PDB file of N, CA and C in Angstrom:
ATOM      1  N   MET A   1     -13.155 -12.725  12.669  1.00  0.00           N
ATOM      2  CA  MET A   1     -14.240 -11.956  12.810  1.00  0.00           C
ATOM      3  C   MET A   1     -15.402 -12.961  13.530  1.00  0.00           C
ATOM      4  N   ASN A   2     -16.079 -12.627  14.513  1.00  0.00           N
ATOM      5  CA  ASN A   2     -17.291 -13.430  14.962  1.00  0.00           C
ATOM      6  C   ASN A   2     -18.371 -13.124  14.308  1.00  0.00           C
ATOM      7  N   SER A   3     -18.855 -14.212  13.543  1.00  0.00           N
ATOM      8  CA  SER A   3     -20.120 -14.079  12.643  1.00  0.00           C
ATOM      9  C   SER A   3     -21.346 -13.548  13.266  1.00  0.00           C
ATOM     10  N   THR A   4     -21.506 -13.879  14.601  1.00  0.00           N
ATOM     11  CA  THR A   4     -22.572 -13.363  15.241  1.00  0.00           C
ATOM     12  C   THR A   4     -22.665 -12.010  15.718  1.00  0.00           C
ATOM     13  N   SER A   5     -21.496 -11.646  16.355  1.00  0.00           N
ATOM     14  CA  SER A   5     -21.456 -10.212  16.973  1.00  0.00           C
ATOM     15  C   SER A   5     -20.899  -9.154  15.844  1.00  0.00           C
ATOM     16  N   GLY A   6     -19.856  -9.653  14.941  1.00  0.00           N
ATOM     17  CA  GLY A   6     -19.100  -8.850  14.181  1.00  0.00           C
ATOM     18  C   GLY A   6     -17.895  -8.411  14.727  1.00  0.00           C
ATOM     19  N   ALA A   7     -17.451  -8.891  16.089  1.00  0.00           N
ATOM     20  CA  ALA A   7     -16.287  -8.402  16.707  1.00  0.00           C
ATOM     21  C   ALA A   7     -15.040  -8.994  16.103  1.00  0.00           C
ATOM     22  N   LEU A   8     -14.164  -8.237  16.042  1.00  0.00           N
ATOM     23  CA  LEU A   8     -12.821  -8.599  15.389  1.00  0.00           C
ATOM     24  C   LEU A   8     -11.885  -9.164  16.336  1.00  0.00           C
ATOM     25  N   THR A   9     -11.133 -10.222  16.071  1.00  0.00           N
ATOM     26  CA  THR A   9     -10.072 -10.655  17.052  1.00  0.00           C
ATOM     27  C   THR A   9      -8.603 -10.616  16.340  1.00  0.00           C
ATOM     28  N   ARG A  10      -7.834 -10.044  17.030  1.00  0.00           N
ATOM     29  CA  ARG A  10      -6.448  -9.840  16.587  1.00  0.00           C
ATOM     30  C   ARG A  10      -5.916 -11.331  16.262  1.00  0.00           C
ATOM     31  N   ILE A  11      -5.141 -11.265  15.146  1.00  0.00           N
ATOM     32  CA  ILE A  11      -4.481 -12.508  14.591  1.00  0.00           C
ATOM     33  C   ILE A  11      -2.907 -12.279  14.890  1.00  0.00           C
ATOM     34  N   GLY A  12      -2.172 -13.122  15.535  1.00  0.00           N
ATOM     35  CA  GLY A  12      -0.923 -13.028  15.682  1.00  0.00           C
ATOM     36  C   GLY A  12      -0.524 -11.949  16.641  1.00  0.00           C
ATOM     37  N   SER A  13       0.564 -11.875  16.885  1.00  0.00           N
ATOM     38  CA  SER A  13       1.273 -11.061  18.185  1.00  0.00           C
ATOM     39  C   SER A  13       1.943  -9.718  17.564  1.00  0.00           C
ATOM     40  N   ALA A  14       2.157  -9.671  16.372  1.00  0.00           N
ATOM     41  CA  ALA A  14       3.016  -8.657  15.825  1.00  0.00           C
ATOM     42  C   ALA A  14       1.978  -7.501  15.108  1.00  0.00           C
ATOM     43  N   ALA A  15       2.369  -6.185  15.684  1.00  0.00           N
ATOM     44  CA  ALA A  15       1.885  -5.109  14.946  1.00  0.00           C
ATOM     45  C   ALA A  15       2.874  -4.423  14.113  1.00  0.00           C
ATOM     46  N   PHE A  16       2.499  -3.819  13.076  1.00  0.00           N
ATOM     47  CA  PHE A  16       3.397  -3.239  12.100  1.00  0.00           C
ATOM     48  C   PHE A  16       3.252  -1.718  11.998  1.00  0.00           C
ATOM     49  N   ALA A  17       4.441  -1.050  12.419  1.00  0.00           N
ATOM     50  CA  ALA A  17       4.429   0.349  12.457  1.00  0.00           C
ATOM     51  C   ALA A  17       4.734   0.881  10.875  1.00  0.00           C
ATOM     52  N   THR A  18       3.544   1.625  10.559  1.00  0.00           N
ATOM     53  CA  THR A  18       3.700   2.178   9.198  1.00  0.00           C
ATOM     54  C   THR A  18       3.862   3.741   9.017  1.00  0.00           C
ATOM     55  N   GLY A  19       4.466   4.179  10.068  1.00  0.00           N
ATOM     56  CA  GLY A  19       4.702   5.711  10.046  1.00  0.00           C
ATOM     57  C   GLY A  19       3.399   6.537  10.666  1.00  0.00           C
ATOM     58  N   ASN A  20       3.561   7.876  10.344  1.00  0.00           N
ATOM     59  CA  ASN A  20       2.317   8.712  10.758  1.00  0.00           C
ATOM     60  C   ASN A  20       1.378   8.595   9.716  1.00  0.00           C
ATOM     61  N   ASN A  21       0.039   8.549  10.134  1.00  0.00           N
ATOM     62  CA  ASN A  21      -1.023   8.766   9.267  1.00  0.00           C
ATOM     63  C   ASN A  21      -1.108   7.603   8.310  1.00  0.00           C
ATOM     64  N   PRO A  22      -1.197   6.321   8.465  1.00  0.00           N
ATOM     65  CA  PRO A  22      -1.415   5.437   7.366  1.00  0.00           C
ATOM     66  C   PRO A  22      -2.865   5.700   6.812  1.00  0.00           C
ATOM     67  N   ILE A  23      -2.840   6.023   5.546  1.00  0.00           N
ATOM     68  CA  ILE A  23      -4.096   6.788   5.000  1.00  0.00           C
ATOM     69  C   ILE A  23      -4.881   5.699   4.088  1.00  0.00           C
ATOM     70  N   ALA A  24      -4.372   4.865   3.521  1.00  0.00           N
ATOM     71  CA  ALA A  24      -4.953   3.819   2.700  1.00  0.00           C
ATOM     72  C   ALA A  24      -4.280   2.473   2.461  1.00  0.00           C
ATOM     73  N   LEU A  25      -4.988   1.604   2.099  1.00  0.00           N
ATOM     74  CA  LEU A  25      -4.302   0.272   1.911  1.00  0.00           C
ATOM     75  C   LEU A  25      -5.128  -0.553   0.731  1.00  0.00           C
ATOM     76  N   ALA A  26      -4.367  -1.385   0.206  1.00  0.00           N
ATOM     77  CA  ALA A  26      -4.818  -2.351  -1.008  1.00  0.00           C
ATOM     78  C   ALA A  26      -4.377  -3.725  -0.724  1.00  0.00           C
ATOM     79  N   ILE A  27      -5.019  -4.661  -1.057  1.00  0.00           N
ATOM     80  CA  ILE A  27      -4.607  -6.057  -1.151  1.00  0.00           C
ATOM     81  C   ILE A  27      -4.817  -6.577  -2.501  1.00  0.00           C
ATOM     82  N   ASP A  28      -3.652  -7.159  -2.919  1.00  0.00           N
ATOM     83  CA  ASP A  28      -3.608  -7.728  -4.298  1.00  0.00           C
ATOM     84  C   ASP A  28      -4.651  -8.984  -4.339  1.00  0.00           C
ATOM     85  N   SER A  29      -5.228  -9.047  -5.713  1.00  0.00           N
ATOM     86  CA  SER A  29      -6.304  -9.987  -5.975  1.00  0.00           C
ATOM     87  C   SER A  29      -5.905 -11.318  -5.522  1.00  0.00           C
ATOM     88  N   SER A  30      -4.531 -11.745  -5.467  1.00  0.00           N
ATOM     89  CA  SER A  30      -4.308 -13.150  -4.953  1.00  0.00           C
ATOM     90  C   SER A  30      -4.524 -13.468  -3.654  1.00  0.00           C
ATOM     91  N   GLY A  31      -4.552 -12.234  -2.809  1.00  0.00           N
ATOM     92  CA  GLY A  31      -4.684 -12.336  -1.276  1.00  0.00           C
ATOM     93  C   GLY A  31      -3.259 -12.639  -0.645  1.00  0.00           C
ATOM     94  N   LYS A  32      -2.244 -12.392  -1.275  1.00  0.00           N
ATOM     95  CA  LYS A  32      -0.789 -12.604  -0.887  1.00  0.00           C
ATOM     96  C   LYS A  32      -0.365 -11.560  -0.139  1.00  0.00           C
ATOM     97  N   PHE A  33      -0.415 -10.137  -0.585  1.00  0.00           N
ATOM     98  CA  PHE A  33       0.068  -8.955  -0.206  1.00  0.00           C
ATOM     99  C   PHE A  33      -0.770  -7.923   0.084  1.00  0.00           C
ATOM    100  N   VAL A  34      -0.292  -7.216   0.952  1.00  0.00           N
ATOM    101  CA  VAL A  34      -1.099  -5.794   1.348  1.00  0.00           C
ATOM    102  C   VAL A  34      -0.090  -4.668   1.390  1.00  0.00           C
ATOM    103  N   TYR A  35      -0.523  -3.462   0.901  1.00  0.00           N
ATOM    104  CA  TYR A  35       0.215  -2.307   0.689  1.00  0.00           C
ATOM    105  C   TYR A  35      -0.512  -1.178   1.337  1.00  0.00           C
ATOM    106  N   VAL A  36       0.310  -0.559   2.374  1.00  0.00           N
ATOM    107  CA  VAL A  36      -0.195   0.528   3.052  1.00  0.00           C
ATOM    108  C   VAL A  36       0.587   1.862   2.640  1.00  0.00           C
ATOM    109  N   VAL A  37      -0.237   2.815   2.409  1.00  0.00           N
ATOM    110  CA  VAL A  37       0.348   4.064   2.041  1.00  0.00           C
ATOM    111  C   VAL A  37       0.323   5.058   3.425  1.00  0.00           C
ATOM    112  N   ASN A  38       1.497   5.603   3.696  1.00  0.00           N
ATOM    113  CA  ASN A  38       1.703   6.456   4.761  1.00  0.00           C
ATOM    114  C   ASN A  38       1.868   7.899   4.502  1.00  0.00           C
ATOM    115  N   ARG A  39       1.265   8.787   5.277  1.00  0.00           N
ATOM    116  CA  ARG A  39       1.497  10.203   4.952  1.00  0.00           C
ATOM    117  C   ARG A  39       1.678  11.140   6.168  1.00  0.00           C
ATOM    118  N   ASP A  40       2.152  12.200   6.035  1.00  0.00           N
ATOM    119  CA  ASP A  40       2.311  13.242   6.974  1.00  0.00           C
ATOM    120  C   ASP A  40       3.383  12.996   7.957  1.00  0.00           C
ATOM    121  N   ASP A  41       4.600  12.395   7.551  1.00  0.00           N
ATOM    122  CA  ASP A  41       5.779  12.456   8.422  1.00  0.00           C
ATOM    123  C   ASP A  41       6.571  13.945   8.209  1.00  0.00           C
ATOM    124  N   ASN A  42       6.024  14.643   7.591  1.00  0.00           N
ATOM    125  CA  ASN A  42       6.500  16.192   7.430  1.00  0.00           C
ATOM    126  C   ASN A  42       8.014  15.968   6.879  1.00  0.00           C
ATOM    127  N   ASN A  43       8.242  15.136   6.136  1.00  0.00           N
ATOM    128  CA  ASN A  43       9.439  15.039   5.438  1.00  0.00           C
ATOM    129  C   ASN A  43       9.277  14.016   4.249  1.00  0.00           C
ATOM    130  N   ALA A  44       9.286  14.461   3.051  1.00  0.00           N
ATOM    131  CA  ALA A  44       8.906  13.635   1.778  1.00  0.00           C
ATOM    132  C   ALA A  44       9.670  12.406   1.795  1.00  0.00           C
ATOM    133  N   ALA A  45      10.866  12.342   2.280  1.00  0.00           N
ATOM    134  CA  ALA A  45      11.569  11.093   2.124  1.00  0.00           C
ATOM    135  C   ALA A  45      11.057   9.936   3.145  1.00  0.00           C
ATOM    136  N   ASN A  46      10.229  10.461   4.042  1.00  0.00           N
ATOM    137  CA  ASN A  46       9.748   9.420   4.890  1.00  0.00           C
ATOM    138  C   ASN A  46       8.281   9.109   4.783  1.00  0.00           C
ATOM    139  N   ASP A  47       7.713   9.645   3.718  1.00  0.00           N
ATOM    140  CA  ASP A  47       6.182   9.163   3.432  1.00  0.00           C
ATOM    141  C   ASP A  47       6.547   7.966   2.559  1.00  0.00           C
ATOM    142  N   PHE A  48       5.760   6.953   2.746  1.00  0.00           N
ATOM    143  CA  PHE A  48       6.099   5.746   2.083  1.00  0.00           C
ATOM    144  C   PHE A  48       5.037   4.841   2.012  1.00  0.00           C
ATOM    145  N   ILE A  49       5.242   3.707   1.207  1.00  0.00           N
ATOM    146  CA  ILE A  49       4.402   2.527   0.977  1.00  0.00           C
ATOM    147  C   ILE A  49       5.093   1.504   1.833  1.00  0.00           C
ATOM    148  N   THR A  50       4.389   0.729   2.694  1.00  0.00           N
ATOM    149  CA  THR A  50       4.697  -0.511   3.391  1.00  0.00           C
ATOM    150  C   THR A  50       4.173  -1.598   2.810  1.00  0.00           C
ATOM    151  N   ALA A  51       5.038  -2.639   2.248  1.00  0.00           N
ATOM    152  CA  ALA A  51       4.627  -3.981   1.792  1.00  0.00           C
ATOM    153  C   ALA A  51       4.602  -5.015   2.797  1.00  0.00           C
ATOM    154  N   LEU A  52       3.499  -5.662   2.847  1.00  0.00           N
ATOM    155  CA  LEU A  52       3.354  -6.779   4.044  1.00  0.00           C
ATOM    156  C   LEU A  52       2.924  -8.044   3.160  1.00  0.00           C
ATOM    157  N   ALA A  53       3.415  -9.218   3.658  1.00  0.00           N
ATOM    158  CA  ALA A  53       2.786 -10.429   3.110  1.00  0.00           C
ATOM    159  C   ALA A  53       1.796 -10.969   4.094  1.00  0.00           C
ATOM    160  N   ILE A  54       0.755 -11.337   3.489  1.00  0.00           N
ATOM    161  CA  ILE A  54      -0.390 -12.020   4.235  1.00  0.00           C
ATOM    162  C   ILE A  54      -0.116 -13.419   4.535  1.00  0.00           C
ATOM    163  N   GLN A  55       0.051 -14.078   5.611  1.00  0.00           N
ATOM    164  CA  GLN A  55       0.423 -15.436   6.082  1.00  0.00           C
ATOM    165  C   GLN A  55      -0.915 -16.196   5.964  1.00  0.00           C
ATOM    166  N   SER A  56      -0.680 -17.544   6.062  1.00  0.00           N
ATOM    167  CA  SER A  56      -2.019 -18.579   5.795  1.00  0.00           C
ATOM    168  C   SER A  56      -2.844 -18.400   7.049  1.00  0.00           C
ATOM    169  N   ASP A  57      -2.527 -17.896   8.129  1.00  0.00           N
ATOM    170  CA  ASP A  57      -3.355 -17.695   9.192  1.00  0.00           C
ATOM    171  C   ASP A  57      -3.887 -16.275   9.346  1.00  0.00           C
ATOM    172  N   GLY A  58      -3.689 -15.518   8.288  1.00  0.00           N
ATOM    173  CA  GLY A  58      -4.198 -14.169   8.277  1.00  0.00           C
ATOM    174  C   GLY A  58      -3.142 -13.133   8.865  1.00  0.00           C
ATOM    175  N   SER A  59      -2.072 -13.423   9.549  1.00  0.00           N
ATOM    176  CA  SER A  59      -1.194 -12.480  10.262  1.00  0.00           C
ATOM    177  C   SER A  59      -0.356 -11.867   9.093  1.00  0.00           C
ATOM    178  N   LEU A  60       0.292 -10.890   9.385  1.00  0.00           N
ATOM    179  CA  LEU A  60       1.174 -10.117   8.417  1.00  0.00           C
ATOM    180  C   LEU A  60       2.525 -10.384   8.861  1.00  0.00           C
ATOM    181  N   ALA A  61       3.363 -10.211   7.757  1.00  0.00           N
ATOM    182  CA  ALA A  61       4.884 -10.225   7.858  1.00  0.00           C
ATOM    183  C   ALA A  61       5.430  -9.146   6.896  1.00  0.00           C
ATOM    184  N   ALA A  62       6.465  -8.661   7.609  1.00  0.00           N
ATOM    185  CA  ALA A  62       7.239  -7.524   6.696  1.00  0.00           C
ATOM    186  C   ALA A  62       7.879  -8.311   5.579  1.00  0.00           C
ATOM    187  N   ILE A  63       7.999  -7.612   4.441  1.00  0.00           N
ATOM    188  CA  ILE A  63       8.576  -7.904   3.210  1.00  0.00           C
ATOM    189  C   ILE A  63       9.910  -7.377   3.213  1.00  0.00           C
ATOM    190  N   SER A  64      11.043  -8.157   2.945  1.00  0.00           N
ATOM    191  CA  SER A  64      12.393  -7.650   2.964  1.00  0.00           C
ATOM    192  C   SER A  64      12.496  -6.543   1.790  1.00  0.00           C
ATOM    193  N   ASN A  65      12.961  -5.403   2.110  1.00  0.00           N
ATOM    194  CA  ASN A  65      12.976  -4.162   1.299  1.00  0.00           C
ATOM    195  C   ASN A  65      11.647  -3.809   0.789  1.00  0.00           C
ATOM    196  N   GLY A  66      10.635  -3.957   1.685  1.00  0.00           N
ATOM    197  CA  GLY A  66       9.223  -3.854   1.419  1.00  0.00           C
ATOM    198  C   GLY A  66       8.797  -2.139   1.645  1.00  0.00           C
ATOM    199  N   VAL A  67       9.717  -1.391   1.731  1.00  0.00           N
ATOM    200  CA  VAL A  67       9.263   0.024   2.056  1.00  0.00           C
ATOM    201  C   VAL A  67       9.817   0.966   0.842  1.00  0.00           C
ATOM    202  N   VAL A  68       8.955   1.622   0.275  1.00  0.00           N
ATOM    203  CA  VAL A  68       9.272   2.466  -0.884  1.00  0.00           C
ATOM    204  C   VAL A  68       8.752   3.910  -0.614  1.00  0.00           C
ATOM    205  N   ALA A  69       9.735   4.877  -0.941  1.00  0.00           N
ATOM    206  CA  ALA A  69       9.537   6.118  -0.753  1.00  0.00           C
ATOM    207  C   ALA A  69       8.719   6.676  -1.703  1.00  0.00           C
ATOM    208  N   VAL A  70       7.747   7.563  -1.312  1.00  0.00           N
ATOM    209  CA  VAL A  70       6.754   8.380  -2.220  1.00  0.00           C
ATOM    210  C   VAL A  70       6.611   9.801  -1.545  1.00  0.00           C
ATOM    211  N   SER A  71       6.427  10.738  -2.486  1.00  0.00           N
ATOM    212  CA  SER A  71       6.564  12.067  -1.846  1.00  0.00           C
ATOM    213  C   SER A  71       5.337  12.257  -0.976  1.00  0.00           C
ATOM    214  N   SER A  72       4.064  12.198  -1.449  1.00  0.00           N
ATOM    215  CA  SER A  72       2.975  12.448  -0.575  1.00  0.00           C
ATOM    216  C   SER A  72       1.802  11.582  -0.832  1.00  0.00           C
ATOM    217  N   PRO A  73       1.799  10.403  -0.563  1.00  0.00           N
ATOM    218  CA  PRO A  73       0.833   9.488  -1.076  1.00  0.00           C
ATOM    219  C   PRO A  73      -0.498   9.751  -0.280  1.00  0.00           C
ATOM    220  N   SER A  74      -1.668   9.354  -1.267  1.00  0.00           N
ATOM    221  CA  SER A  74      -2.961   9.688  -0.602  1.00  0.00           C
ATOM    222  C   SER A  74      -3.832   8.460  -0.857  1.00  0.00           C
ATOM    223  N   PHE A  75      -3.571   7.562  -1.785  1.00  0.00           N
ATOM    224  CA  PHE A  75      -4.304   6.406  -1.991  1.00  0.00           C
ATOM    225  C   PHE A  75      -3.475   5.399  -2.861  1.00  0.00           C
ATOM    226  N   VAL A  76      -3.830   4.115  -2.794  1.00  0.00           N
ATOM    227  CA  VAL A  76      -3.120   3.024  -3.416  1.00  0.00           C
ATOM    228  C   VAL A  76      -4.084   2.095  -4.143  1.00  0.00           C
ATOM    229  N   ALA A  77      -3.892   1.699  -5.343  1.00  0.00           N
ATOM    230  CA  ALA A  77      -4.730   0.728  -5.967  1.00  0.00           C
ATOM    231  C   ALA A  77      -3.962  -0.319  -6.905  1.00  0.00           C
ATOM    232  N   ILE A  78      -4.196  -1.478  -6.902  1.00  0.00           N
ATOM    233  CA  ILE A  78      -3.505  -2.433  -7.610  1.00  0.00           C
ATOM    234  C   ILE A  78      -4.512  -2.832  -8.741  1.00  0.00           C
ATOM    235  N   GLU A  79      -3.902  -2.809  -9.983  1.00  0.00           N
ATOM    236  CA  GLU A  79      -4.489  -3.150 -11.175  1.00  0.00           C
ATOM    237  C   GLU A  79      -4.970  -4.668 -11.040  1.00  0.00           C
ATOM    238  N   PRO A  80      -6.009  -4.947 -11.720  1.00  0.00           N
ATOM    239  CA  PRO A  80      -6.642  -6.556 -11.600  1.00  0.00           C
ATOM    240  C   PRO A  80      -5.539  -7.638 -11.924  1.00  0.00           C
ATOM    241  N   GLY A  81      -4.673  -7.372 -12.792  1.00  0.00           N
ATOM    242  CA  GLY A  81      -3.642  -8.406 -13.088  1.00  0.00           C
ATOM    243  C   GLY A  81      -2.574  -8.585 -12.291  1.00  0.00           C
ATOM    244  N   ASN A  82      -2.506  -7.714 -11.175  1.00  0.00           N
ATOM    245  CA  ASN A  82      -1.505  -7.747 -10.204  1.00  0.00           C
ATOM    246  C   ASN A  82      -0.114  -7.568 -10.759  1.00  0.00           C
ATOM    247  N   LYS A  83      -0.046  -6.702 -11.700  1.00  0.00           N
ATOM    248  CA  LYS A  83       1.427  -6.415 -12.300  1.00  0.00           C
ATOM    249  C   LYS A  83       1.856  -5.064 -11.742  1.00  0.00           C
ATOM    250  N   PHE A  84       0.897  -4.160 -11.558  1.00  0.00           N
ATOM    251  CA  PHE A  84       1.351  -2.812 -11.148  1.00  0.00           C
ATOM    252  C   PHE A  84       0.446  -2.365  -9.917  1.00  0.00           C
ATOM    253  N   VAL A  85       1.025  -1.590  -9.214  1.00  0.00           N
ATOM    254  CA  VAL A  85       0.501  -0.819  -8.073  1.00  0.00           C
ATOM    255  C   VAL A  85       0.696   0.733  -8.277  1.00  0.00           C
ATOM    256  N   TYR A  86      -0.548   1.415  -8.364  1.00  0.00           N
ATOM    257  CA  TYR A  86      -0.610   2.831  -8.470  1.00  0.00           C
ATOM    258  C   TYR A  86      -0.772   3.613  -7.364  1.00  0.00           C
ATOM    259  N   VAL A  87       0.077   4.821  -7.111  1.00  0.00           N
ATOM    260  CA  VAL A  87      -0.312   5.587  -5.739  1.00  0.00           C
ATOM    261  C   VAL A  87      -0.432   7.077  -6.351  1.00  0.00           C
ATOM    262  N   THR A  88      -1.618   7.630  -5.871  1.00  0.00           N
ATOM    263  CA  THR A  88      -1.702   8.965  -6.001  1.00  0.00           C
ATOM    264  C   THR A  88      -0.887   9.820  -5.108  1.00  0.00           C
ATOM    265  N   ASP A  89      -0.183  10.773  -5.663  1.00  0.00           N
ATOM    266  CA  ASP A  89       0.819  11.576  -5.075  1.00  0.00           C
ATOM    267  C   ASP A  89       0.259  13.032  -5.079  1.00  0.00           C
ATOM    268  N   PHE A  90      -0.461  13.183  -3.940  1.00  0.00           N
ATOM    269  CA  PHE A  90      -1.232  14.281  -3.529  1.00  0.00           C
ATOM    270  C   PHE A  90      -0.660  15.846  -3.892  1.00  0.00           C
ATOM    271  N   ASN A  91       0.528  15.945  -3.208  1.00  0.00           N
ATOM    272  CA  ASN A  91       1.188  17.143  -3.531  1.00  0.00           C
ATOM    273  C   ASN A  91       1.821  17.468  -4.814  1.00  0.00           C
ATOM    274  N   SER A  92       2.344  16.350  -5.476  1.00  0.00           N
ATOM    275  CA  SER A  92       3.168  16.662  -6.742  1.00  0.00           C
ATOM    276  C   SER A  92       2.101  16.343  -7.811  1.00  0.00           C
ATOM    277  N   SER A  93       0.850  16.249  -7.746  1.00  0.00           N
ATOM    278  CA  SER A  93      -0.199  15.992  -8.714  1.00  0.00           C
ATOM    279  C   SER A  93       0.271  15.021  -9.692  1.00  0.00           C
ATOM    280  N   ALA A  94       0.444  13.749  -9.385  1.00  0.00           N
ATOM    281  CA  ALA A  94       0.755  12.727 -10.018  1.00  0.00           C
ATOM    282  C   ALA A  94       0.351  11.404  -9.498  1.00  0.00           C
ATOM    283  N   VAL A  95       0.468  10.429 -10.277  1.00  0.00           N
ATOM    284  CA  VAL A  95       0.253   8.964  -9.993  1.00  0.00           C
ATOM    285  C   VAL A  95       1.604   8.329 -10.233  1.00  0.00           C
ATOM    286  N   SER A  96       2.102   7.644  -9.259  1.00  0.00           N
ATOM    287  CA  SER A  96       3.368   6.871  -9.169  1.00  0.00           C
ATOM    288  C   SER A  96       3.100   5.494  -9.535  1.00  0.00           C
ATOM    289  N   ILE A  97       3.743   4.832 -10.319  1.00  0.00           N
ATOM    290  CA  ILE A  97       3.397   3.646 -10.905  1.00  0.00           C
ATOM    291  C   ILE A  97       4.599   2.520 -10.416  1.00  0.00           C
ATOM    292  N   PHE A  98       4.270   1.480  -9.691  1.00  0.00           N
ATOM    293  CA  PHE A  98       5.253   0.560  -9.333  1.00  0.00           C
ATOM    294  C   PHE A  98       5.051  -0.948  -9.988  1.00  0.00           C
ATOM    295  N   SER A  99       6.039  -1.569 -10.422  1.00  0.00           N
ATOM    296  CA  SER A  99       5.842  -2.921 -10.826  1.00  0.00           C
ATOM    297  C   SER A  99       5.789  -3.830  -9.500  1.00  0.00           C
ATOM    298  N   LEU A 100       5.039  -4.764  -9.565  1.00  0.00           N
ATOM    299  CA  LEU A 100       4.815  -5.618  -8.439  1.00  0.00           C
ATOM    300  C   LEU A 100       5.401  -7.044  -8.734  1.00  0.00           C
ATOM    301  N   ASN A 101       6.234  -7.534  -7.795  1.00  0.00           N
ATOM    302  CA  ASN A 101       6.727  -8.963  -8.018  1.00  0.00           C
ATOM    303  C   ASN A 101       5.853  -9.920  -7.347  1.00  0.00           C
ATOM    304  N   ALA A 102       5.153 -10.571  -8.292  1.00  0.00           N
ATOM    305  CA  ALA A 102       3.991 -11.511  -7.637  1.00  0.00           C
ATOM    306  C   ALA A 102       4.750 -12.552  -6.733  1.00  0.00           C
ATOM    307  N   THR A 103       6.030 -12.824  -6.694  1.00  0.00           N
ATOM    308  CA  THR A 103       6.638 -13.849  -6.018  1.00  0.00           C
ATOM    309  C   THR A 103       7.006 -13.135  -4.469  1.00  0.00           C
ATOM    310  N   SER A 104       7.781 -12.167  -4.653  1.00  0.00           N
ATOM    311  CA  SER A 104       8.047 -11.618  -3.397  1.00  0.00           C
ATOM    312  C   SER A 104       7.267 -10.328  -2.687  1.00  0.00           C
ATOM    313  N   GLY A 105       6.337  -9.836  -3.666  1.00  0.00           N
ATOM    314  CA  GLY A 105       5.715  -8.684  -3.089  1.00  0.00           C
ATOM    315  C   GLY A 105       6.297  -7.438  -3.330  1.00  0.00           C
ATOM    316  N   GLN A 106       7.546  -7.156  -3.574  1.00  0.00           N
ATOM    317  CA  GLN A 106       8.353  -6.105  -3.580  1.00  0.00           C
ATOM    318  C   GLN A 106       7.937  -5.291  -4.796  1.00  0.00           C
ATOM    319  N   LEU A 107       8.054  -4.006  -4.503  1.00  0.00           N
ATOM    320  CA  LEU A 107       7.599  -3.022  -5.608  1.00  0.00           C
ATOM    321  C   LEU A 107       9.076  -2.296  -6.060  1.00  0.00           C
ATOM    322  N   THR A 108       8.861  -2.040  -7.341  1.00  0.00           N
ATOM    323  CA  THR A 108       9.939  -1.435  -8.119  1.00  0.00           C
ATOM    324  C   THR A 108       9.416  -0.203  -8.964  1.00  0.00           C
ATOM    325  N   ALA A 109      10.029   1.058  -8.636  1.00  0.00           N
ATOM    326  CA  ALA A 109       9.513   2.187  -9.360  1.00  0.00           C
ATOM    327  C   ALA A 109       9.342   1.987 -10.952  1.00  0.00           C
ATOM    328  N   ALA A 110       8.310   2.248 -11.536  1.00  0.00           N
ATOM    329  CA  ALA A 110       8.025   2.194 -13.013  1.00  0.00           C
ATOM    330  C   ALA A 110       7.805   3.366 -13.656  1.00  0.00           C
ATOM    331  N   GLY A 111       7.772   4.541 -12.975  1.00  0.00           N
ATOM    332  CA  GLY A 111       7.458   5.863 -13.514  1.00  0.00           C
ATOM    333  C   GLY A 111       6.310   6.421 -12.780  1.00  0.00           C
ATOM    334  N   SER A 112       6.040   7.578 -13.486  1.00  0.00           N
ATOM    335  CA  SER A 112       4.851   8.389 -12.906  1.00  0.00           C
ATOM    336  C   SER A 112       4.086   9.139 -13.955  1.00  0.00           C
ATOM    337  N   VAL A 113       2.849   9.600 -13.925  1.00  0.00           N
ATOM    338  CA  VAL A 113       1.881  10.318 -14.795  1.00  0.00           C
ATOM    339  C   VAL A 113       1.355  11.425 -14.138  1.00  0.00           C
ATOM    340  N   ALA A 114       1.463  12.626 -14.695  1.00  0.00           N
ATOM    341  CA  ALA A 114       0.863  13.814 -14.097  1.00  0.00           C
ATOM    342  C   ALA A 114      -0.573  13.669 -14.310  1.00  0.00           C
ATOM    343  N   THR A 115      -1.243  14.357 -13.268  1.00  0.00           N
ATOM    344  CA  THR A 115      -2.624  14.469 -13.125  1.00  0.00           C
ATOM    345  C   THR A 115      -3.208  15.691 -12.950  1.00  0.00           C
ATOM    346  N   GLY A 116      -4.344  15.933 -12.793  1.00  0.00           N
ATOM    347  CA  GLY A 116      -4.973  17.183 -12.158  1.00  0.00           C
ATOM    348  C   GLY A 116      -4.503  17.414 -10.763  1.00  0.00           C
ATOM    349  N   THR A 117      -4.779  18.668 -10.219  1.00  0.00           N
ATOM    350  CA  THR A 117      -4.335  19.003  -9.003  1.00  0.00           C
ATOM    351  C   THR A 117      -4.806  18.115  -7.757  1.00  0.00           C
ATOM    352  N   ASN A 118      -3.768  17.672  -7.075  1.00  0.00           N
ATOM    353  CA  ASN A 118      -4.198  16.902  -5.935  1.00  0.00           C
ATOM    354  C   ASN A 118      -4.871  15.808  -5.965  1.00  0.00           C
ATOM    355  N   PRO A 119      -4.512  14.722  -6.529  1.00  0.00           N
ATOM    356  CA  PRO A 119      -5.268  13.381  -6.850  1.00  0.00           C
ATOM    357  C   PRO A 119      -5.521  12.796  -5.563  1.00  0.00           C
ATOM    358  N   SER A 120      -6.667  12.256  -5.227  1.00  0.00           N
ATOM    359  CA  SER A 120      -6.757  11.663  -3.976  1.00  0.00           C
ATOM    360  C   SER A 120      -7.331  10.069  -4.049  1.00  0.00           C
ATOM    361  N   SER A 121      -7.694   9.772  -5.133  1.00  0.00           N
ATOM    362  CA  SER A 121      -7.998   8.234  -5.319  1.00  0.00           C
ATOM    363  C   SER A 121      -7.802   7.799  -6.807  1.00  0.00           C
ATOM    364  N   ILE A 122      -7.831   6.609  -6.796  1.00  0.00           N
ATOM    365  CA  ILE A 122      -7.723   6.056  -8.327  1.00  0.00           C
ATOM    366  C   ILE A 122      -8.550   4.580  -8.218  1.00  0.00           C
ATOM    367  N   ALA A 123      -9.173   4.261  -9.265  1.00  0.00           N
ATOM    368  CA  ALA A 123      -9.874   3.062  -9.364  1.00  0.00           C
ATOM    369  C   ALA A 123      -9.838   2.312 -10.624  1.00  0.00           C
ATOM    370  N   PHE A 124     -10.040   1.000 -10.507  1.00  0.00           N
ATOM    371  CA  PHE A 124      -9.928   0.218 -11.808  1.00  0.00           C
ATOM    372  C   PHE A 124     -11.309  -0.543 -11.931  1.00  0.00           C
ATOM    373  N   ARG A 125     -11.624  -0.712 -13.302  1.00  0.00           N
ATOM    374  CA  ARG A 125     -12.967  -1.538 -13.291  1.00  0.00           C
ATOM    375  C   ARG A 125     -12.717  -2.812 -14.103  1.00  0.00           C
TER     376      ARG A 125
END
């Protein structure tokens, strides 16, 4: 970012397709990984979380096996200890929980919790 004008400059040459309607993202507190939730592919199997590694120059790299299916994600949050990623599942009225591998950035399903109707965000303090 240009500190005078605020203009952004693209880093690297690769762009990452995350599917239709990437709706939210979260960066872990170590600054090593970014998670993007995608919604509206009109097929629950194709709504997903994309995990990307943040390189030292700020560019992004795909994480091997870094795509995780989620029914209808609407928001993503990472708890402060970087152990778990939480994704609100809008249509299923639940929060999906994933354990985060701090070395590889890969996510593993760890369960879900029912919520009120259509959760759209989550936060930690």
